[in-house]
Amino acid sequence: MYFQRLRDMREDADLRQADIAEYLGIHQTVYSRYERGFQTIPLELIIKLADYYHVSLDYLTGRTDKP
């Protein structure tokens, strides 16, 4: 699954992939694969990202437009 919102929210916050990867405790290359949809994001990391950006999981995954 491709997460355009992940990239959009990261860029809106003026963050680099390396910044988010560090927060998640993973390598930047792994986060890049998540963001581009080349690798599935583990549920615990999706939850952590939703908490970080203060949005719902549905918003993060594109199921709704309401954060």
N, C-alpha and C. Protein backbone atom coordinates (compact mmCIF):
# COMPACT_ATOMS: atom_id res chain seq x y z
N MET A 1 0.85 -1.18 0.00
CA MET A 1 0.00 0.00 0.00
C MET A 1 0.89 1.24 0.00
N TYR A 2 0.58 2.17 -0.86
CA TYR A 2 1.32 3.43 -0.99
C TYR A 2 0.69 4.47 -0.08
N PHE A 3 1.50 5.09 0.77
CA PHE A 3 0.99 6.06 1.73
C PHE A 3 1.41 7.47 1.34
N GLN A 4 0.68 8.08 0.41
CA GLN A 4 0.97 9.46 0.01
C GLN A 4 0.88 10.40 1.20
N ARG A 5 -0.04 10.11 2.10
CA ARG A 5 -0.21 10.98 3.26
C ARG A 5 1.03 10.99 4.15
N LEU A 6 1.71 9.86 4.24
CA LEU A 6 2.93 9.84 5.05
C LEU A 6 3.92 10.86 4.53
N ARG A 7 4.12 10.86 3.24
CA ARG A 7 5.06 11.81 2.64
C ARG A 7 4.55 13.24 2.81
N ASP A 8 3.27 13.46 2.53
CA ASP A 8 2.70 14.80 2.64
C ASP A 8 2.84 15.36 4.06
N MET A 9 2.49 14.55 5.06
CA MET A 9 2.57 15.02 6.44
C MET A 9 4.02 15.27 6.85
N ARG A 10 4.92 14.40 6.42
CA ARG A 10 6.33 14.58 6.73
C ARG A 10 6.85 15.87 6.13
N GLU A 11 6.54 16.11 4.86
CA GLU A 11 7.00 17.32 4.19
C GLU A 11 6.35 18.57 4.78
N ASP A 12 5.06 18.49 5.13
CA ASP A 12 4.38 19.63 5.76
C ASP A 12 5.03 20.01 7.09
N ALA A 13 5.59 19.03 7.77
CA ALA A 13 6.25 19.27 9.05
C ALA A 13 7.74 19.61 8.87
N ASP A 14 8.17 19.75 7.61
CA ASP A 14 9.57 20.05 7.30
C ASP A 14 10.53 19.03 7.91
N LEU A 15 10.16 17.76 7.80
CA LEU A 15 10.99 16.69 8.31
C LEU A 15 11.59 15.88 7.16
N ARG A 16 12.71 15.26 7.44
CA ARG A 16 13.34 14.36 6.47
C ARG A 16 12.93 12.93 6.80
N GLN A 17 13.07 12.05 5.83
CA GLN A 17 12.80 10.64 6.09
C GLN A 17 13.66 10.14 7.25
N ALA A 18 14.89 10.62 7.32
CA ALA A 18 15.79 10.20 8.40
C ALA A 18 15.25 10.61 9.77
N ASP A 19 14.58 11.74 9.85
CA ASP A 19 14.00 12.19 11.12
C ASP A 19 12.92 11.23 11.60
N ILE A 20 12.03 10.86 10.69
CA ILE A 20 10.94 9.94 11.05
C ILE A 20 11.49 8.55 11.33
N ALA A 21 12.45 8.12 10.53
CA ALA A 21 13.07 6.81 10.76
C ALA A 21 13.70 6.73 12.14
N GLU A 22 14.37 7.80 12.55
CA GLU A 22 14.98 7.83 13.88
C GLU A 22 13.92 7.72 14.96
N TYR A 23 12.81 8.44 14.79
CA TYR A 23 11.71 8.38 15.75
C TYR A 23 11.16 6.95 15.86
N LEU A 24 11.08 6.28 14.72
CA LEU A 24 10.54 4.92 14.70
C LEU A 24 11.57 3.86 15.12
N GLY A 25 12.85 4.25 15.14
CA GLY A 25 13.89 3.30 15.49
C GLY A 25 14.27 2.36 14.37
N ILE A 26 14.17 2.87 13.12
CA ILE A 26 14.49 2.07 11.95
C ILE A 26 15.46 2.84 11.06
N HIS A 27 15.97 2.19 10.04
CA HIS A 27 16.85 2.86 9.08
C HIS A 27 16.03 3.69 8.10
N GLN A 28 16.62 4.76 7.61
CA GLN A 28 15.96 5.64 6.64
C GLN A 28 15.53 4.88 5.41
N THR A 29 16.34 3.94 4.95
CA THR A 29 16.00 3.18 3.73
C THR A 29 14.75 2.34 3.94
N VAL A 30 14.58 1.82 5.13
CA VAL A 30 13.37 1.05 5.44
C VAL A 30 12.16 1.97 5.43
N TYR A 31 12.29 3.13 6.08
CA TYR A 31 11.17 4.08 6.07
C TYR A 31 10.82 4.51 4.65
N SER A 32 11.82 4.73 3.83
CA SER A 32 11.59 5.11 2.44
C SER A 32 10.76 4.05 1.72
N ARG A 33 11.07 2.79 1.97
CA ARG A 33 10.29 1.70 1.34
C ARG A 33 8.85 1.70 1.85
N TYR A 34 8.65 2.02 3.12
CA TYR A 34 7.29 2.13 3.65
C TYR A 34 6.54 3.25 2.94
N GLU A 35 7.17 4.40 2.86
CA GLU A 35 6.53 5.58 2.29
C GLU A 35 6.17 5.36 0.82
N ARG A 36 7.01 4.64 0.10
CA ARG A 36 6.76 4.40 -1.33
C ARG A 36 5.92 3.16 -1.59
N GLY A 37 5.59 2.43 -0.53
CA GLY A 37 4.72 1.26 -0.69
C GLY A 37 5.44 0.01 -1.13
N PHE A 38 6.75 -0.02 -1.04
CA PHE A 38 7.52 -1.19 -1.44
C PHE A 38 7.63 -2.23 -0.33
N GLN A 39 7.25 -1.85 0.88
CA GLN A 39 7.31 -2.75 2.02
C GLN A 39 6.13 -2.42 2.93
N THR A 40 5.53 -3.44 3.50
CA THR A 40 4.39 -3.26 4.40
C THR A 40 4.86 -2.71 5.74
N ILE A 41 4.13 -1.71 6.23
CA ILE A 41 4.46 -1.11 7.52
C ILE A 41 3.83 -1.95 8.63
N PRO A 42 4.61 -2.37 9.60
CA PRO A 42 4.03 -3.10 10.72
C PRO A 42 3.00 -2.24 11.47
N LEU A 43 1.97 -2.88 11.96
CA LEU A 43 0.88 -2.17 12.63
C LEU A 43 1.38 -1.28 13.76
N GLU A 44 2.33 -1.76 14.56
CA GLU A 44 2.79 -0.94 15.68
C GLU A 44 3.45 0.35 15.21
N LEU A 45 4.07 0.34 14.02
CA LEU A 45 4.68 1.55 13.50
C LEU A 45 3.64 2.49 12.89
N ILE A 46 2.59 1.93 12.30
CA ILE A 46 1.51 2.77 11.78
C ILE A 46 0.83 3.51 12.93
N ILE A 47 0.61 2.80 14.03
CA ILE A 47 0.01 3.42 15.20
C ILE A 47 0.92 4.51 15.75
N LYS A 48 2.21 4.23 15.81
CA LYS A 48 3.16 5.21 16.30
C LYS A 48 3.17 6.46 15.42
N LEU A 49 3.07 6.29 14.11
CA LEU A 49 3.03 7.42 13.19
C LEU A 49 1.74 8.23 13.37
N ALA A 50 0.62 7.55 13.52
CA ALA A 50 -0.65 8.25 13.74
C ALA A 50 -0.58 9.07 15.02
N ASP A 51 0.00 8.50 16.06
CA ASP A 51 0.16 9.24 17.32
C ASP A 51 1.10 10.43 17.13
N TYR A 52 2.18 10.24 16.41
CA TYR A 52 3.16 11.31 16.18
C TYR A 52 2.53 12.50 15.47
N TYR A 53 1.73 12.22 14.44
CA TYR A 53 1.11 13.28 13.65
C TYR A 53 -0.25 13.72 14.22
N HIS A 54 -0.71 13.06 15.28
CA HIS A 54 -2.00 13.38 15.91
C HIS A 54 -3.16 13.24 14.92
N VAL A 55 -3.17 12.12 14.20
CA VAL A 55 -4.24 11.83 13.25
C VAL A 55 -4.75 10.41 13.50
N SER A 56 -5.90 10.11 12.92
CA SER A 56 -6.44 8.76 13.06
C SER A 56 -5.76 7.81 12.08
N LEU A 57 -5.88 6.53 12.36
CA LEU A 57 -5.35 5.53 11.43
C LEU A 57 -6.08 5.60 10.10
N ASP A 58 -7.37 5.87 10.14
CA ASP A 58 -8.14 5.99 8.90
C ASP A 58 -7.63 7.14 8.04
N TYR A 59 -7.29 8.24 8.66
CA TYR A 59 -6.75 9.37 7.90
C TYR A 59 -5.38 9.02 7.33
N LEU A 60 -4.56 8.42 8.14
CA LEU A 60 -3.22 8.07 7.72
C LEU A 60 -3.23 7.12 6.52
N THR A 61 -4.17 6.20 6.50
CA THR A 61 -4.24 5.23 5.42
C THR A 61 -5.14 5.66 4.26
N GLY A 62 -5.68 6.86 4.35
CA GLY A 62 -6.48 7.39 3.24
C GLY A 62 -7.93 6.94 3.23
N ARG A 63 -8.41 6.37 4.32
CA ARG A 63 -9.79 5.91 4.37
C ARG A 63 -10.77 7.04 4.64
N THR A 64 -10.24 8.16 5.14
CA THR A 64 -11.07 9.34 5.39
C THR A 64 -10.22 10.58 5.19
N ASP A 65 -10.89 11.69 4.99
CA ASP A 65 -10.17 12.96 4.85
C ASP A 65 -10.22 13.78 6.14
N LYS A 66 -10.79 13.20 7.20
CA LYS A 66 -10.88 13.89 8.47
C LYS A 66 -9.74 13.39 9.37
N PRO A 67 -8.80 14.27 9.70
CA PRO A 67 -7.66 13.84 10.52
C PRO A 67 -8.09 13.32 11.88
